[in-house]
């Protein structure tokens, strides 16, 4: 038996609309020992209806309370006592910025303003106080009661109290000789200097307005031997126009987009081969990296990495949005290679349900997907994906009870162990990396559950009066639960899906 991903019916049916499973049966597919792994569908995040990330950041810092992004209810802690002496920028505030803020708020970062110097931060002192007190900044949407995550940028209560006291005391600079050493960034990269940068060979021309069809560009690696990628980062040339990028690893024996042009941008509708047009949005190729505003680059420990075979191509799948000005983008991906082959290989998998219909006005519509792992794996991280009506998302382990006397599992006795629970916000497509990776045995069942708000109370809802189905534009919806696992380095994606 191969991997089985199930789309299960909803707990509550809405009259006149199908369940999240599409009908009353269990919709599933199987992969035989000789078949390819499940074909995954490239996803989009935001179209021209989305506000630019820079606009959001500016609004957050100038009116954090009004945005309603506060997670203070779920992150409730006892407020820290204010510092006994007035904090200063160089001694007290700068280290907080370096540790929690400058990944975005720096020259070349995604934020509209840098927070690297006293002069840059001082005008925003009051806004920073509000944004940090309401937990709007740094952005983080995981429920603190579920799981611990390595990349959680949240401030401690003491750090929040320090920023508040600094703003209240007039934002003093203090002594510059007390400043910590500046954090060094490499040519706008978050990862250290890449060993190799692969750029889309030709720029993509972007119009000032209108919808932009998904754009692809195939970039040959020219690798003469397989390479282990320990760190990877996508770097758009025009961040304001890029709200989605997935970089796929196309092995040399793959038939995916095999008749498509290489080294030039193209769209699916422009392909001459009918098979290429039909398969453009479906692939069994592995994912090297997913990029969206707020997402983190991949940085794996020495014991694991992603693998790019000799002769492979990287396929850039780009979703652009028009911003009112015609421009060009030429996105790059930076790679740092492992010094030696690691014992584990990282694979990106996903739980997806594309058979739902969200009724008009539904404020809390539930959609579910489940799947069982075909082999042992180590669970590393999560990346939930929805669109404008996305409300919350969670991942769970499904625990089946056993009958007495060691009999087989009892499917009716089901429990759920939460792994991640996220208050979803479409401006921040964030990844969540487990602080302690979790070993999962073959046969472990995973569940992803998404809730959608199609009501008028959702301020981002484009139209609460329509039924919403799966689709690539942001006024459609998606339900995708990406997750990363580490497996034996000898396994590729195809062989991982062979059950033993």
Protein backbone atom coordinates (compact mmCIF):
# COMPACT_ATOMS: atom_id res chain seq x y z
CA UNK A 1 0.00 0.00 0.00
CA UNK A 2 1.23 3.48 -0.73
CA UNK A 3 0.56 6.77 0.96
CA UNK A 4 -3.11 7.52 1.52
CA UNK A 5 -4.24 11.12 1.89
CA UNK A 6 -7.88 11.32 2.90
CA UNK A 7 -10.27 14.20 2.43
CA UNK A 8 -12.81 13.60 5.16
CA UNK A 9 -16.37 14.90 5.49
CA UNK A 10 -17.14 17.79 7.78
CA UNK A 11 -18.53 17.28 11.22
CA UNK A 12 -21.45 19.58 10.38
CA UNK A 13 -23.03 19.67 6.95
CA UNK A 14 -24.48 22.89 5.56
CA UNK A 15 -27.75 22.36 3.65
CA UNK A 16 -27.31 22.82 -0.07
CA UNK A 17 -23.50 22.55 0.00
CA UNK A 18 -21.24 19.50 -0.08
CA UNK A 19 -19.02 18.62 2.82
CA UNK A 20 -15.31 19.36 2.82
CA UNK A 21 -14.80 15.90 1.36
CA UNK A 22 -16.88 16.71 -1.71
CA UNK A 23 -19.44 13.98 -0.99
CA UNK A 24 -20.29 11.43 1.66
CA UNK A 25 -17.52 9.01 0.75
CA UNK A 26 -13.90 9.05 1.78
CA UNK A 27 -11.99 10.57 -1.12
CA UNK A 28 -8.47 9.19 -1.21
CA UNK A 29 -5.70 8.15 -3.52
CA UNK A 30 -3.04 5.51 -3.29
CA UNK A 31 0.51 5.10 -4.51
CA UNK A 32 1.65 1.66 -5.49
CA UNK A 33 5.19 0.43 -5.04
CA UNK A 34 6.02 1.28 -8.64
CA UNK A 35 4.04 4.49 -8.94
CA UNK A 36 5.25 8.03 -8.51
CA UNK A 37 4.54 9.85 -5.24
CA UNK A 38 1.37 11.94 -4.98
CA UNK A 39 1.41 14.84 -7.39
CA UNK A 40 1.35 18.15 -5.60
CA UNK A 41 -0.14 21.35 -6.81
CA UNK A 42 1.81 24.61 -6.83
CA UNK A 43 0.08 27.19 -4.68
CA UNK A 44 -0.51 30.92 -4.88
CA UNK A 45 -0.90 33.42 -2.09
CA UNK A 46 -2.07 36.87 -3.09
CA UNK A 47 -3.21 38.68 -6.20
CA UNK A 48 -3.72 42.35 -6.94
CA UNK A 49 -6.40 42.59 -4.23
CA UNK A 50 -3.76 42.27 -1.54
CA UNK A 51 -2.15 45.31 -0.05
CA UNK A 52 1.57 45.51 -0.40
CA UNK A 53 3.51 44.15 2.53
CA UNK A 54 5.19 47.48 3.05
CA UNK A 55 1.81 49.16 3.43
CA UNK A 56 0.83 46.59 6.05
CA UNK A 57 4.00 47.06 8.04
CA UNK A 58 3.59 50.81 8.02
CA UNK A 59 0.02 50.49 9.23
CA UNK A 60 1.01 48.05 11.95
CA UNK A 61 3.60 50.37 13.34
CA UNK A 62 1.42 53.46 13.13
CA UNK A 63 -1.88 51.91 14.26
CA UNK A 64 -1.15 48.53 15.75
CA UNK A 65 -4.20 48.41 17.97
CA UNK A 66 -6.64 49.19 15.17
CA UNK A 67 -5.32 46.37 13.01
CA UNK A 68 -6.65 43.75 15.37
CA UNK A 69 -3.58 41.52 15.02
CA UNK A 70 -3.05 41.21 18.77
CA UNK A 71 -2.47 37.75 20.14
CA UNK A 72 -2.26 38.98 23.69
CA UNK A 73 -5.16 36.79 24.70
CA UNK A 74 -3.33 33.64 23.64
CA UNK A 75 0.08 34.81 24.78
CA UNK A 76 -1.06 36.07 28.15
CA UNK A 77 1.76 36.50 30.65
CA UNK A 78 2.23 38.57 33.75
CA UNK A 79 3.52 42.01 32.69
CA UNK A 80 7.14 42.57 33.64
CA UNK A 81 8.05 45.34 36.03
CA UNK A 82 9.47 48.42 34.32
CA UNK A 83 13.25 48.78 34.43
CA UNK A 84 14.61 50.55 37.52
CA UNK A 85 16.62 52.93 35.34
CA UNK A 86 15.48 54.48 32.09
CA UNK A 87 16.53 52.27 29.15
CA UNK A 88 18.68 53.76 26.40
CA UNK A 89 18.83 52.88 22.74
CA UNK A 90 22.45 51.75 22.59
CA UNK A 91 22.53 49.77 25.83
CA UNK A 92 19.06 48.26 26.04
CA UNK A 93 17.01 48.66 22.86
CA UNK A 94 19.50 47.85 20.10
CA UNK A 95 20.13 44.26 21.28
CA UNK A 96 16.37 43.62 21.16
CA UNK A 97 16.17 44.96 17.62
CA UNK A 98 19.11 42.84 16.49
CA UNK A 99 17.64 39.68 17.94
CA UNK A 100 14.01 40.09 16.94
CA UNK A 101 13.44 42.82 14.34
CA UNK A 102 16.32 43.47 11.95
CA UNK A 103 15.75 40.39 9.83
CA UNK A 104 12.97 42.47 8.25
CA UNK A 105 13.75 46.00 9.48
CA UNK A 106 17.11 46.56 7.80
CA UNK A 107 18.48 48.01 4.60
CA UNK A 108 17.20 45.75 1.83
CA UNK A 109 14.75 43.96 4.14
CA UNK A 110 11.05 43.48 3.48
CA UNK A 111 9.97 46.13 5.98
CA UNK A 112 9.41 49.69 4.71
CA UNK A 113 11.74 51.15 7.32
CA UNK A 114 15.06 50.06 8.81
CA UNK A 115 15.68 49.89 12.56
CA UNK A 116 19.45 49.71 12.57
CA UNK A 117 20.32 53.14 13.96
CA UNK A 118 19.02 55.46 16.64
CA UNK A 119 17.94 58.04 14.06
CA UNK A 120 15.91 55.42 12.21
CA UNK A 121 14.05 54.13 15.27
CA UNK A 122 13.39 57.28 17.31
CA UNK A 123 10.44 58.57 15.19
CA UNK A 124 8.72 55.19 15.67
CA UNK A 125 9.28 54.85 19.43
CA UNK A 126 5.60 55.27 20.35
CA UNK A 127 4.41 53.00 17.53
CA UNK A 128 6.91 50.32 18.52
CA UNK A 129 5.60 50.49 22.09
CA UNK A 130 2.03 49.88 20.94
CA UNK A 131 2.93 47.19 18.42
CA UNK A 132 4.95 45.20 20.93
CA UNK A 133 2.48 45.60 23.79
CA UNK A 134 -0.35 44.28 21.60
CA UNK A 135 1.90 41.46 20.32
CA UNK A 136 1.38 42.66 16.75
CA UNK A 137 5.13 42.82 16.30
CA UNK A 138 7.19 40.79 15.85
CA UNK A 139 4.59 38.84 13.85
CA UNK A 140 3.95 35.36 15.24
CA UNK A 141 0.62 33.59 15.12
CA UNK A 142 1.12 30.24 16.83
CA UNK A 143 -0.84 29.43 19.97
CA UNK A 144 1.79 29.38 22.75
CA UNK A 145 -0.09 26.57 24.49
CA UNK A 146 0.64 24.19 21.59
CA UNK A 147 4.23 23.30 20.78
CA UNK A 148 7.56 25.11 21.01
CA UNK A 149 9.16 26.50 17.89
CA UNK A 150 12.75 27.28 17.05
CA UNK A 151 11.98 30.37 14.97
CA UNK A 152 9.57 32.05 17.38
CA UNK A 153 10.61 35.74 17.37
CA UNK A 154 8.26 36.73 20.20
CA UNK A 155 9.55 39.19 22.76
CA UNK A 156 9.72 38.34 26.44
CA UNK A 157 7.62 40.39 28.81
CA UNK A 158 10.81 42.02 30.08
CA UNK A 159 11.82 43.05 26.55
CA UNK A 160 8.36 44.52 25.97
CA UNK A 161 8.62 46.45 29.25
CA UNK A 162 12.02 47.78 28.20
CA UNK A 163 10.72 49.10 24.86
CA UNK A 164 7.71 50.65 26.59
CA UNK A 165 9.82 52.35 29.25
CA UNK A 166 12.23 53.62 26.60
CA UNK A 167 9.39 55.25 24.65
CA UNK A 168 7.83 56.69 27.84
CA UNK A 169 11.14 58.29 28.90
CA UNK A 170 11.53 60.17 25.63
CA UNK A 171 13.49 57.55 23.69
CA UNK A 172 16.97 58.51 24.92
CA UNK A 173 19.99 57.51 22.85
CA UNK A 174 22.41 56.87 25.69
CA UNK A 175 26.11 56.30 25.13
CA UNK A 176 27.14 55.02 21.72
CA UNK A 177 30.14 53.21 23.23
CA UNK A 178 27.65 50.88 24.97
CA UNK A 179 26.26 49.67 21.65
CA UNK A 180 26.53 45.99 20.74
CA UNK A 181 28.38 45.11 17.55
CA UNK A 182 26.19 45.65 14.47
CA UNK A 183 24.61 42.61 12.97
CA UNK A 184 26.18 41.94 9.56
CA UNK A 185 24.00 41.01 6.61
CA UNK A 186 25.29 39.59 3.33
CA UNK A 187 24.03 41.50 0.29
CA UNK A 188 20.43 41.44 1.49
CA UNK A 189 20.61 37.71 2.28
CA UNK A 190 19.43 36.39 5.63
CA UNK A 191 21.55 33.26 5.26
CA UNK A 192 25.35 33.62 5.22
CA UNK A 193 27.03 34.33 1.90
CA UNK A 194 25.63 31.73 -0.53
CA UNK A 195 28.00 29.27 -2.18
CA UNK A 196 25.95 29.60 -5.36
CA UNK A 197 23.32 32.06 -6.55
CA UNK A 198 21.03 30.94 -9.37
CA UNK A 199 19.08 33.78 -10.94
CA UNK A 200 16.23 33.59 -13.41
CA UNK A 201 18.14 34.11 -16.70
CA UNK A 202 15.65 36.62 -18.10
CA UNK A 203 13.66 39.25 -16.20
CA UNK A 204 9.88 39.05 -16.14
CA UNK A 205 8.08 42.17 -17.33
CA UNK A 206 5.26 43.10 -14.97
CA UNK A 207 2.38 45.40 -15.94
CA UNK A 208 1.18 48.28 -13.82
CA UNK A 209 -2.27 46.75 -13.33
CA UNK A 210 -4.50 43.76 -13.94
CA UNK A 211 -4.22 40.08 -13.08
CA UNK A 212 -0.90 38.41 -13.84
CA UNK A 213 -0.90 34.77 -14.86
CA UNK A 214 1.47 32.52 -12.96
CA UNK A 215 4.90 32.73 -14.49
CA UNK A 216 7.48 29.96 -14.73
CA UNK A 217 11.16 30.02 -15.51
CA UNK A 218 13.33 26.91 -15.76
CA UNK A 219 16.88 27.41 -14.54
CA UNK A 220 19.44 24.66 -15.27
CA UNK A 221 21.81 23.94 -12.37
CA UNK A 222 24.50 22.35 -14.59
CA UNK A 223 25.42 20.18 -11.61
CA UNK A 224 27.71 17.36 -12.70
CA UNK A 225 27.13 15.61 -9.39
CA UNK A 226 24.37 15.65 -6.81
CA UNK A 227 24.58 18.48 -4.28
CA UNK A 228 23.27 18.63 -0.72
CA UNK A 229 21.67 22.01 0.05
CA UNK A 230 21.83 22.92 3.72
CA UNK A 231 20.57 26.49 3.38
CA UNK A 232 18.40 28.10 0.73
CA UNK A 233 16.78 31.49 0.38
CA UNK A 234 14.63 33.10 -2.32
CA UNK A 235 15.49 36.72 -3.04
CA UNK A 236 13.07 38.58 -5.33
CA UNK A 237 14.33 41.66 -7.14
CA UNK A 238 10.91 43.29 -6.66
CA UNK A 239 9.62 42.14 -3.30
CA UNK A 240 6.52 44.32 -3.56
CA UNK A 241 5.40 42.42 -6.66
CA UNK A 242 6.18 38.89 -5.46
CA UNK A 243 3.66 37.33 -3.11
CA UNK A 244 4.40 33.73 -3.94
CA UNK A 245 7.36 31.77 -5.18
CA UNK A 246 7.96 28.04 -5.13
CA UNK A 247 11.24 26.63 -6.39
CA UNK A 248 10.95 23.02 -7.52
CA UNK A 249 13.72 20.52 -8.16
CA UNK A 250 13.06 18.86 -11.52
CA UNK A 251 15.19 15.70 -11.87
CA UNK A 252 16.67 15.01 -15.29
CA UNK A 253 14.34 12.05 -15.85
CA UNK A 254 11.17 14.04 -15.06
CA UNK A 255 8.61 14.59 -17.80
CA UNK A 256 7.14 17.66 -16.08
CA UNK A 257 7.19 20.69 -18.41
CA UNK A 258 9.66 18.82 -20.58
CA UNK A 259 8.62 20.70 -23.74
CA UNK A 260 8.61 24.09 -22.06
CA UNK A 261 11.29 26.65 -22.93
CA UNK A 262 14.36 26.84 -20.71
CA UNK A 263 15.81 30.08 -19.41
CA UNK A 264 12.92 32.32 -20.44
CA UNK A 265 9.70 33.22 -18.61
CA UNK A 266 6.50 31.53 -19.76
CA UNK A 267 2.95 30.88 -18.62
CA UNK A 268 0.95 27.68 -18.82
CA UNK A 269 -1.48 29.12 -21.35
CA UNK A 270 1.41 29.94 -23.70
CA UNK A 271 2.69 26.37 -23.88
CA UNK A 272 2.16 24.67 -27.21
CA UNK A 273 2.13 21.10 -25.93
CA UNK A 274 -1.29 20.12 -24.53
CA UNK A 275 0.25 17.75 -22.00
CA UNK A 276 2.51 20.50 -20.66
CA UNK A 277 -0.42 22.89 -20.39
CA UNK A 278 -2.47 20.32 -18.50
CA UNK A 279 0.34 19.32 -16.13
CA UNK A 280 1.81 22.75 -15.42
CA UNK A 281 -0.14 23.09 -12.18
CA UNK A 282 0.55 19.55 -10.97
CA UNK A 283 3.94 18.02 -10.25
CA UNK A 284 5.55 15.20 -8.32
CA UNK A 285 8.86 17.07 -8.19
CA UNK A 286 10.28 17.87 -4.79
CA UNK A 287 10.09 21.39 -3.41
CA UNK A 288 13.37 23.12 -2.71
CA UNK A 289 11.84 26.15 -1.03
CA UNK A 290 8.58 28.10 -0.63
CA UNK A 291 8.70 31.89 -0.38
CA UNK A 292 6.02 34.34 0.73
CA UNK A 293 6.14 37.58 2.73
CA UNK A 294 7.22 36.74 6.25
CA UNK A 295 8.52 33.27 5.46
CA UNK A 296 11.95 32.17 6.62
CA UNK A 297 14.79 30.74 4.53
CA UNK A 298 15.66 27.09 4.97
CA UNK A 299 18.56 26.53 7.36
CA UNK A 300 18.99 22.88 8.28
CA UNK A 301 21.39 21.45 10.89
CA UNK A 302 24.53 19.62 9.78
CA UNK A 303 22.83 16.25 10.00
CA UNK A 304 20.31 16.97 7.23
CA UNK A 305 19.87 18.80 3.92
CA UNK A 306 17.82 18.85 0.75
CA UNK A 307 19.18 17.09 -2.32
CA UNK A 308 19.50 18.33 -5.90
CA UNK A 309 20.49 15.54 -8.32
CA UNK A 310 23.10 15.94 -11.02
CA UNK A 311 21.61 17.47 -14.16
CA UNK A 312 18.52 18.75 -12.35
CA UNK A 313 16.75 21.99 -13.18
CA UNK A 314 15.20 24.45 -10.75
CA UNK A 315 11.71 25.48 -11.80
CA UNK A 316 10.69 28.90 -10.45
CA UNK A 317 6.91 29.19 -10.14
CA UNK A 318 6.05 32.84 -9.50
CA UNK A 319 2.84 34.58 -8.57
CA UNK A 320 3.17 38.29 -9.21
CA UNK A 321 0.81 41.10 -8.30
CA UNK A 322 0.55 44.47 -10.00
CA UNK A 323 1.33 47.47 -7.80
CA UNK A 324 0.46 50.42 -10.04
CA UNK A 325 3.87 50.73 -11.69
CA UNK A 326 5.24 48.69 -14.57
CA UNK A 327 8.51 47.03 -13.62
CA UNK A 328 10.63 43.88 -14.00
CA UNK A 329 11.56 41.09 -11.61
CA UNK A 330 14.48 38.70 -11.77
CA UNK A 331 14.29 36.50 -8.69
CA UNK A 332 17.30 34.57 -7.40
CA UNK A 333 17.80 31.64 -5.06
CA UNK A 334 20.90 31.43 -2.88
CA UNK A 335 22.29 28.04 -1.90
CA UNK A 336 24.77 26.94 0.73
CA UNK A 337 25.98 23.37 0.39
CA UNK A 338 26.68 20.83 3.09
CA UNK A 339 30.38 20.15 3.63
CA UNK A 340 29.74 16.42 3.47
CA UNK A 341 26.75 14.22 2.66
CA UNK A 342 24.42 14.22 5.68
CA UNK A 343 22.76 11.10 7.08
CA UNK A 344 19.25 12.54 6.54
CA UNK A 345 17.44 14.06 3.60
CA UNK A 346 14.72 16.69 4.01
CA UNK A 347 11.50 16.27 2.00
CA UNK A 348 8.63 18.73 1.79
CA UNK A 349 5.23 17.01 1.84
CA UNK A 350 1.71 18.35 2.09
CA UNK A 351 -1.82 17.62 3.24
CA UNK A 352 -4.27 19.14 0.78
CA UNK A 353 -8.03 19.26 0.36
CA UNK A 354 -9.25 20.78 -2.91
CA UNK A 355 -12.85 19.46 -2.83
CA UNK A 356 -14.50 21.98 -0.54
CA UNK A 357 -17.22 24.58 -1.09
CA UNK A 358 -17.45 27.35 1.51
CA UNK A 359 -21.05 28.61 1.71
CA UNK A 360 -21.83 32.33 1.48
CA UNK A 361 -21.60 34.06 4.83
CA UNK A 362 -20.17 31.06 6.70
CA UNK A 363 -18.11 32.46 9.60
CA UNK A 364 -16.26 29.30 10.68
CA UNK A 365 -16.21 26.70 7.91
CA UNK A 366 -14.11 23.63 8.67
CA UNK A 367 -12.06 21.74 6.07
CA UNK A 368 -9.92 18.72 6.89
CA UNK A 369 -7.26 16.53 5.28
CA UNK A 370 -5.54 13.43 6.65
CA UNK A 371 -2.71 11.16 5.59
CA UNK A 372 -0.52 8.35 6.87
CA UNK A 373 3.25 8.27 6.55
CA UNK A 374 4.49 5.33 4.46
CA UNK A 375 7.88 5.19 6.21
CA UNK A 376 9.61 6.41 9.36
CA UNK A 377 10.34 10.13 9.34
CA UNK A 378 11.38 12.96 11.62
CA UNK A 379 8.90 15.83 11.64
CA UNK A 380 10.67 19.19 11.38
CA UNK A 381 8.37 22.07 10.48
CA UNK A 382 5.01 23.30 9.17
CA UNK A 383 3.91 25.84 6.58
CA UNK A 384 0.12 26.35 6.40
CA UNK A 385 -1.35 28.05 3.36
CA UNK A 386 -4.76 29.66 2.82
CA UNK A 387 -6.10 32.78 1.15
CA UNK A 388 -8.14 35.83 2.19
CA UNK A 389 -10.81 33.89 4.04
CA UNK A 390 -8.30 31.88 6.04
CA UNK A 391 -9.05 32.13 9.75
CA UNK A 392 -7.07 29.44 11.58
CA UNK A 393 -5.11 26.29 10.83
CA UNK A 394 -3.90 23.37 12.89
CA UNK A 395 -1.89 20.17 12.56
CA UNK A 396 -2.62 17.14 14.74
CA UNK A 397 -1.43 13.60 15.27
CA UNK A 398 -4.29 11.13 15.05
CA UNK A 399 -4.10 8.51 17.78
CA UNK A 400 -6.08 5.29 17.27
CA UNK A 401 -6.86 3.21 20.32
CA UNK A 402 -6.01 -0.47 20.55
CA UNK A 403 -8.42 -3.21 21.46
CA UNK A 404 -7.65 -5.39 24.47
CA UNK A 405 -5.16 -8.21 24.17
CA UNK A 406 -2.99 -6.53 21.53
CA UNK A 407 -5.69 -6.72 18.85
CA UNK A 408 -5.48 -4.39 15.84
CA UNK A 409 -6.20 -0.71 16.21
CA UNK A 410 -9.77 0.35 16.79
CA UNK A 411 -10.56 3.04 14.18
CA UNK A 412 -13.50 4.25 16.22
CA UNK A 413 -11.31 5.15 19.22
CA UNK A 414 -9.60 8.29 17.96
CA UNK A 415 -7.72 10.94 19.85
CA UNK A 416 -5.88 14.00 18.58
CA UNK A 417 -2.54 15.35 19.76
CA UNK A 418 -2.13 18.99 18.67
CA UNK A 419 1.18 19.91 17.04
CA UNK A 420 0.51 23.46 15.86
CA UNK A 421 -2.43 25.84 16.12
CA UNK A 422 -2.21 29.09 14.15
CA UNK A 423 -4.29 32.25 14.03
CA UNK A 424 -3.92 32.71 10.28
CA UNK A 425 -3.12 36.04 8.65
CA UNK A 426 -2.78 36.20 4.90
CA UNK A 427 -0.11 38.92 4.93
CA UNK A 428 2.26 36.61 6.78
CA UNK A 429 2.83 33.20 5.20
CA UNK A 430 4.99 31.91 8.03
CA UNK A 431 6.78 28.66 8.69
CA UNK A 432 6.87 27.07 12.13
CA UNK A 433 9.92 24.95 13.02
CA UNK A 434 9.72 22.54 15.90
CA UNK A 435 12.20 23.28 18.67
CA UNK A 436 12.51 19.52 19.16
CA UNK A 437 12.03 17.43 15.99
CA UNK A 438 9.57 14.57 16.45
CA UNK A 439 10.15 10.99 15.33
CA UNK A 440 7.11 9.53 13.56
CA UNK A 441 6.86 5.83 12.81
CA UNK A 442 5.58 4.47 9.52
CA UNK A 443 1.79 4.42 9.58
CA UNK A 444 1.48 7.55 11.72
CA UNK A 445 -1.61 9.49 10.71
CA UNK A 446 -1.47 13.27 10.42
CA UNK A 447 -4.43 15.63 10.25
CA UNK A 448 -4.60 19.20 8.99
CA UNK A 449 -7.68 21.30 9.79
CA UNK A 450 -8.45 24.73 8.35
CA UNK A 451 -11.19 27.17 9.29
CA UNK A 452 -12.44 29.82 6.87
CA UNK A 453 -14.39 33.02 7.53
CA UNK A 454 -16.60 33.90 4.57
CA UNK A 455 -18.71 36.34 6.57
CA UNK A 456 -19.03 40.11 6.41
CA UNK A 457 -17.13 40.31 9.69
CA UNK A 458 -13.94 39.31 7.86
CA UNK A 459 -12.45 42.66 6.74
CA UNK A 460 -10.36 40.95 4.05
CA UNK A 461 -13.27 39.06 2.48
CA UNK A 462 -13.64 40.09 -1.19
CA UNK A 463 -17.26 38.91 -1.42
CA UNK A 464 -19.18 37.25 1.44
CA UNK A 465 -22.18 36.57 -0.82
CA UNK A 466 -20.53 33.90 -3.00
CA UNK A 467 -19.72 30.24 -2.46
CA UNK A 468 -15.97 29.74 -2.51
CA UNK A 469 -14.06 26.83 -4.01
CA UNK A 470 -10.44 25.88 -4.53
CA UNK A 471 -8.68 28.17 -6.96
CA UNK A 472 -5.45 29.96 -7.67
CA UNK A 473 -6.58 33.55 -7.28
CA UNK A 474 -6.87 35.07 -3.85
CA UNK A 475 -10.63 35.55 -4.18
CA UNK A 476 -10.68 31.73 -4.40
CA UNK A 477 -9.35 29.61 -1.55
CA UNK A 478 -6.74 26.98 -0.85
CA UNK A 479 -6.19 24.51 1.95
CA UNK A 480 -2.60 23.28 1.97
CA UNK A 481 -0.66 22.06 4.97
CA UNK A 482 2.98 21.83 3.96
CA UNK A 483 5.32 20.05 6.35
CA UNK A 484 8.99 19.08 6.27
CA UNK A 485 10.35 15.71 7.30
CA UNK A 486 13.83 14.22 7.51
CA UNK A 487 14.29 10.69 6.18
CA UNK A 488 17.18 8.35 5.50
CA UNK A 489 19.49 10.05 3.00
CA UNK A 490 19.20 7.05 0.67
CA UNK A 491 15.50 7.72 0.15
CA UNK A 492 14.24 10.09 -2.51
CA UNK A 493 10.65 11.28 -2.67
CA UNK A 494 9.59 8.40 -4.91
CA UNK A 495 11.10 5.68 -2.75
CA UNK A 496 9.81 7.29 0.46
CA UNK A 497 6.28 6.59 -0.73
CA UNK A 498 6.89 2.85 -1.10
CA UNK A 499 5.42 1.00 1.84
CA UNK A 500 7.26 -2.01 3.21
